[in-house]
Amino acid sequence: MILDNEPDLTVVGEAGDGETAVAMARALRPDVVLMDVRMPRLDGIEATARIVSDPDLAAVRTLVLTTFDDDEYVYGALRAGAAGFLLKDADPQTLVDAVRRVRAGDSLLDPAVTGRIISTYVELARHAPLGAPGAGTSEPGPPARLDAATPREREVLLAVARGLSNREIGAELHLTEATVKSHVRSLLTKVGLTNRVQLVILAYEAGVVRPERDDHPAGTS
């Protein structure tokens, strides 16, 4: 109801389990999939991974709905290739804005919770036994090839890790949105990743960004 009330948004399908969600994504090719982490038959992590790994669904972006109680599964969903996450208690306007932002190509990582979630699961993944839910089983850890990044690309990476949109990054670094997008694409190519959420995780794993004691990412207020 919330989404269908928006003139530019249309709900094309609803699925009650992960397997159906993947099948419907293949049949309907939506711009954005809202994916619950905990679902019957196939959980949201594996469903997200299947959508992201399907070349025919390259244009489909997945936004994961979660709560803080979903512990290590949130990290697994992001590593699986989700475009971002949204807390289930978000207000209606936040949900609508989230769908639009993901559709536009931005990641959705709330600066107020990004450091808390990602830093926790980076640490978890480092110590979890192979095959554990938080051990990044969907794919191996992202390659740390940041040495190839230019100084400007590193500035963009830090801004992405803080949850800023392309427009916000451009305003902060005095760049056009097109230039910001170009730097992000270049970074993704150099480190062998597929989306900017994975860039954020890489920034934490590589120690480029560290959470402050108040659970905010470094550099945020």
Protein backbone atom coordinates (compact mmCIF):
# COMPACT_ATOMS: atom_id res chain seq x y z
CA MET A 1 0.00 0.00 0.00
CA ILE A 2 2.80 2.41 0.88
CA LEU A 3 4.65 1.87 -2.39
CA ASP A 4 1.62 1.65 -4.66
CA ASN A 5 0.43 5.01 -3.36
CA GLU A 6 3.47 6.63 -4.98
CA PRO A 7 2.91 7.74 -8.60
CA ASP A 8 6.33 6.56 -9.74
CA LEU A 9 6.33 3.19 -7.94
CA THR A 10 4.42 -0.01 -8.70
CA VAL A 11 4.51 -3.31 -6.83
CA VAL A 12 4.67 -5.97 -9.54
CA GLY A 13 4.67 -9.03 -7.29
CA GLU A 14 4.84 -10.42 -3.76
CA ALA A 15 6.51 -13.65 -2.60
CA GLY A 16 6.06 -15.60 0.62
CA ASP A 17 9.37 -17.45 0.55
CA GLY A 18 12.87 -17.12 -0.88
CA GLU A 19 12.52 -19.60 -3.72
CA THR A 20 9.39 -17.86 -4.98
CA ALA A 21 11.12 -14.50 -4.67
CA VAL A 22 13.95 -15.63 -6.93
CA ALA A 23 11.53 -17.18 -9.44
CA MET A 24 9.43 -14.01 -9.53
CA ALA A 25 12.50 -11.83 -9.97
CA ARG A 26 13.42 -13.89 -13.02
CA ALA A 27 9.89 -13.73 -14.40
CA LEU A 28 9.07 -10.09 -13.65
CA ARG A 29 12.51 -8.39 -13.77
CA PRO A 30 11.68 -5.71 -11.16
CA ASP A 31 13.95 -2.71 -10.70
CA VAL A 32 14.15 -3.31 -6.94
CA VAL A 33 13.48 -6.36 -4.76
CA LEU A 34 12.62 -5.81 -1.09
CA MET A 35 14.05 -8.93 0.54
CA ASP A 36 13.37 -10.17 4.07
CA VAL A 37 16.33 -11.92 5.71
CA ARG A 38 14.25 -14.60 7.40
CA MET A 39 11.96 -16.50 5.04
CA PRO A 40 10.83 -20.12 4.65
CA ARG A 41 12.28 -22.58 2.10
CA LEU A 42 15.16 -20.25 1.18
CA ASP A 43 16.50 -17.47 3.38
CA GLY A 44 17.03 -13.94 2.16
CA ILE A 45 20.81 -14.28 2.02
CA GLU A 46 20.80 -17.15 -0.44
CA ALA A 47 17.90 -15.65 -2.38
CA THR A 48 19.83 -12.39 -2.72
CA ALA A 49 22.97 -14.26 -3.77
CA ARG A 50 21.05 -16.11 -6.48
CA ILE A 51 19.56 -12.93 -7.87
CA VAL A 52 22.89 -11.08 -7.83
CA SER A 53 24.77 -13.97 -9.47
CA ASP A 54 22.25 -14.36 -12.31
CA PRO A 55 23.56 -12.48 -15.38
CA ASP A 56 20.01 -12.09 -16.65
CA LEU A 57 19.12 -10.16 -13.48
CA ALA A 58 22.05 -7.75 -13.56
CA ALA A 59 19.67 -4.76 -13.54
CA VAL A 60 17.73 -6.02 -10.49
CA ARG A 61 18.85 -4.44 -7.22
CA THR A 62 18.06 -5.99 -3.85
CA LEU A 63 17.22 -4.02 -0.72
CA VAL A 64 17.24 -6.13 2.44
CA LEU A 65 14.70 -5.56 5.21
CA THR A 66 16.11 -6.44 8.60
CA THR A 67 16.22 -5.80 12.33
CA PHE A 68 19.18 -5.59 14.69
CA ASP A 69 18.07 -9.02 15.92
CA ASP A 70 19.09 -10.57 12.61
CA ASP A 71 22.70 -10.59 13.90
CA GLU A 72 25.26 -12.07 11.49
CA TYR A 73 22.73 -12.65 8.71
CA VAL A 74 22.73 -8.93 7.89
CA TYR A 75 26.41 -9.08 7.07
CA GLY A 76 25.84 -12.20 5.00
CA ALA A 77 23.15 -10.45 2.98
CA LEU A 78 25.42 -7.51 2.23
CA ARG A 79 28.26 -9.80 1.24
CA ALA A 80 25.84 -11.68 -1.00
CA GLY A 81 25.49 -8.51 -3.05
CA ALA A 82 22.52 -6.62 -1.62
CA ALA A 83 22.37 -2.96 -2.59
CA GLY A 84 21.74 -2.04 1.02
CA PHE A 85 19.60 -2.67 4.06
CA LEU A 86 16.67 -0.95 5.70
CA LEU A 87 15.43 -1.47 9.23
CA LYS A 88 11.90 -2.85 9.42
CA ASP A 89 10.77 -0.10 11.77
CA ALA A 90 11.57 2.59 9.18
CA ASP A 91 8.75 5.06 8.60
CA PRO A 92 6.82 4.96 5.29
CA GLN A 93 8.64 7.90 3.70
CA THR A 94 12.01 6.35 4.51
CA LEU A 95 10.91 3.14 2.79
CA VAL A 96 9.80 5.03 -0.32
CA ASP A 97 13.01 7.07 -0.41
CA ALA A 98 15.05 3.89 0.03
CA VAL A 99 13.48 2.22 -2.99
CA ARG A 100 14.05 5.31 -5.13
CA ARG A 101 17.64 5.67 -3.98
CA VAL A 102 18.50 2.04 -4.68
CA ARG A 103 16.77 2.26 -8.06
CA ALA A 104 18.93 5.30 -8.88
CA GLY A 105 22.08 3.28 -8.25
CA ASP A 106 23.05 4.47 -4.79
CA SER A 107 23.66 2.11 -1.91
CA LEU A 108 21.50 2.39 1.16
CA LEU A 109 23.67 2.37 4.26
CA ASP A 110 22.36 4.54 7.06
CA PRO A 111 25.39 6.30 8.59
CA ALA A 112 23.77 5.92 12.02
CA VAL A 113 23.94 2.13 11.89
CA THR A 114 26.47 1.22 9.20
CA GLY A 115 29.49 1.23 11.51
CA ARG A 116 27.70 -0.81 14.15
CA ILE A 117 26.53 -3.50 11.76
CA ILE A 118 29.38 -3.85 9.30
CA SER A 119 32.20 -3.58 11.82
CA THR A 120 30.54 -6.25 13.95
CA TYR A 121 30.23 -8.68 11.09
CA VAL A 122 33.67 -7.97 9.67
CA GLU A 123 35.03 -9.03 13.06
CA LEU A 124 32.66 -11.98 13.15
CA ALA A 125 33.72 -13.11 9.68
CA ARG A 126 37.38 -12.98 10.67
CA HIS A 127 36.85 -15.36 13.57
CA ALA A 128 33.89 -17.50 12.50
CA PRO A 129 34.59 -21.10 11.42
CA LEU A 130 34.44 -21.75 7.69
CA GLY A 131 30.83 -22.36 6.73
CA ALA A 132 29.31 -20.40 9.62
CA PRO A 133 26.53 -17.95 8.68
CA GLY A 134 28.71 -14.91 9.34
CA ALA A 135 31.80 -16.28 7.67
CA GLY A 136 30.98 -14.85 4.26
CA THR A 137 30.12 -18.19 2.73
CA SER A 138 28.41 -16.70 -0.30
CA GLU A 139 31.77 -15.72 -1.73
CA PRO A 140 35.37 -15.30 -0.59
CA GLY A 141 36.46 -12.13 1.11
CA PRO A 142 36.93 -9.12 -1.16
CA PRO A 143 40.45 -8.71 -2.54
CA ALA A 144 42.40 -5.93 -0.88
CA ARG A 145 43.75 -4.18 -3.97
CA LEU A 146 43.39 -0.68 -2.68
CA ASP A 147 47.03 0.06 -3.46
CA ALA A 148 45.93 0.64 -7.05
CA ALA A 149 43.42 3.31 -6.02
CA THR A 150 44.29 6.93 -6.69
CA PRO A 151 44.18 9.50 -3.87
CA ARG A 152 40.91 10.86 -5.24
CA GLU A 153 39.42 7.36 -5.43
CA ARG A 154 40.37 6.83 -1.79
CA GLU A 155 38.55 10.04 -0.88
CA VAL A 156 35.50 8.78 -2.72
CA LEU A 157 35.78 5.41 -0.97
CA LEU A 158 35.79 7.10 2.44
CA ALA A 159 32.70 9.10 1.48
CA VAL A 160 30.92 5.99 0.19
CA ALA A 161 31.77 4.20 3.44
CA ARG A 162 30.10 7.03 5.35
CA GLY A 163 26.87 6.32 3.52
CA LEU A 164 26.88 9.42 1.32
CA SER A 165 25.03 9.43 -1.99
CA ASN A 166 26.74 10.36 -5.26
CA ARG A 167 25.23 13.83 -5.06
CA GLU A 168 26.44 14.32 -1.48
CA ILE A 169 29.92 13.07 -2.36
CA GLY A 170 30.06 15.44 -5.32
CA ALA A 171 29.08 18.39 -3.16
CA GLU A 172 31.66 17.52 -0.50
CA LEU A 173 34.54 16.88 -2.92
CA HIS A 174 33.50 19.52 -5.48
CA LEU A 175 32.90 16.94 -8.21
CA THR A 176 30.03 16.34 -10.60
CA GLU A 177 27.81 13.33 -10.01
CA ALA A 178 29.08 11.84 -13.26
CA THR A 179 32.67 12.12 -12.03
CA VAL A 180 31.76 10.48 -8.71
CA LYS A 181 30.09 7.60 -10.57
CA SER A 182 33.21 7.23 -12.70
CA HIS A 183 35.44 7.00 -9.63
CA VAL A 184 33.13 4.42 -8.04
CA ARG A 185 33.14 2.30 -11.21
CA SER A 186 36.92 2.51 -11.34
CA LEU A 187 37.22 1.41 -7.71
CA LEU A 188 34.89 -1.52 -8.27
CA THR A 189 36.95 -2.65 -11.26
CA LYS A 190 40.25 -2.34 -9.42
CA VAL A 191 39.16 -4.34 -6.38
CA GLY A 192 37.06 -6.86 -8.29
CA LEU A 193 33.73 -6.12 -6.61
CA THR A 194 30.25 -5.56 -8.01
CA ASN A 195 28.57 -2.84 -5.95
CA ARG A 196 29.25 0.02 -3.58
CA VAL A 197 27.95 -1.83 -0.52
CA GLN A 198 30.79 -4.30 -0.98
CA LEU A 199 33.12 -1.31 -1.25
CA VAL A 200 31.96 -0.21 2.22
CA ILE A 201 32.64 -3.66 3.62
CA LEU A 202 36.08 -3.65 1.99
CA ALA A 203 36.82 -0.27 3.57
CA TYR A 204 36.09 -1.73 7.03
CA GLU A 205 37.91 -4.99 6.38
CA ALA A 206 40.99 -3.15 5.13
CA GLY A 207 40.93 -0.78 8.11
CA VAL A 208 40.46 2.26 5.88
CA VAL A 209 37.37 3.11 7.92
CA ARG A 210 37.03 2.29 11.59
CA PRO A 211 33.92 2.66 13.76
CA GLU A 212 34.04 5.22 16.53
CA ARG A 213 33.06 4.31 20.08
CA ASP A 214 29.56 5.67 19.49
CA ASP A 215 29.11 3.06 16.73
CA HIS A 216 29.23 5.64 13.94
CA PRO A 217 31.66 5.23 11.04
CA ALA A 218 34.80 7.30 11.23
CA GLY A 219 34.21 10.76 9.90
CA THR A 220 30.47 10.92 10.59
CA SER A 221 28.86 13.18 13.12
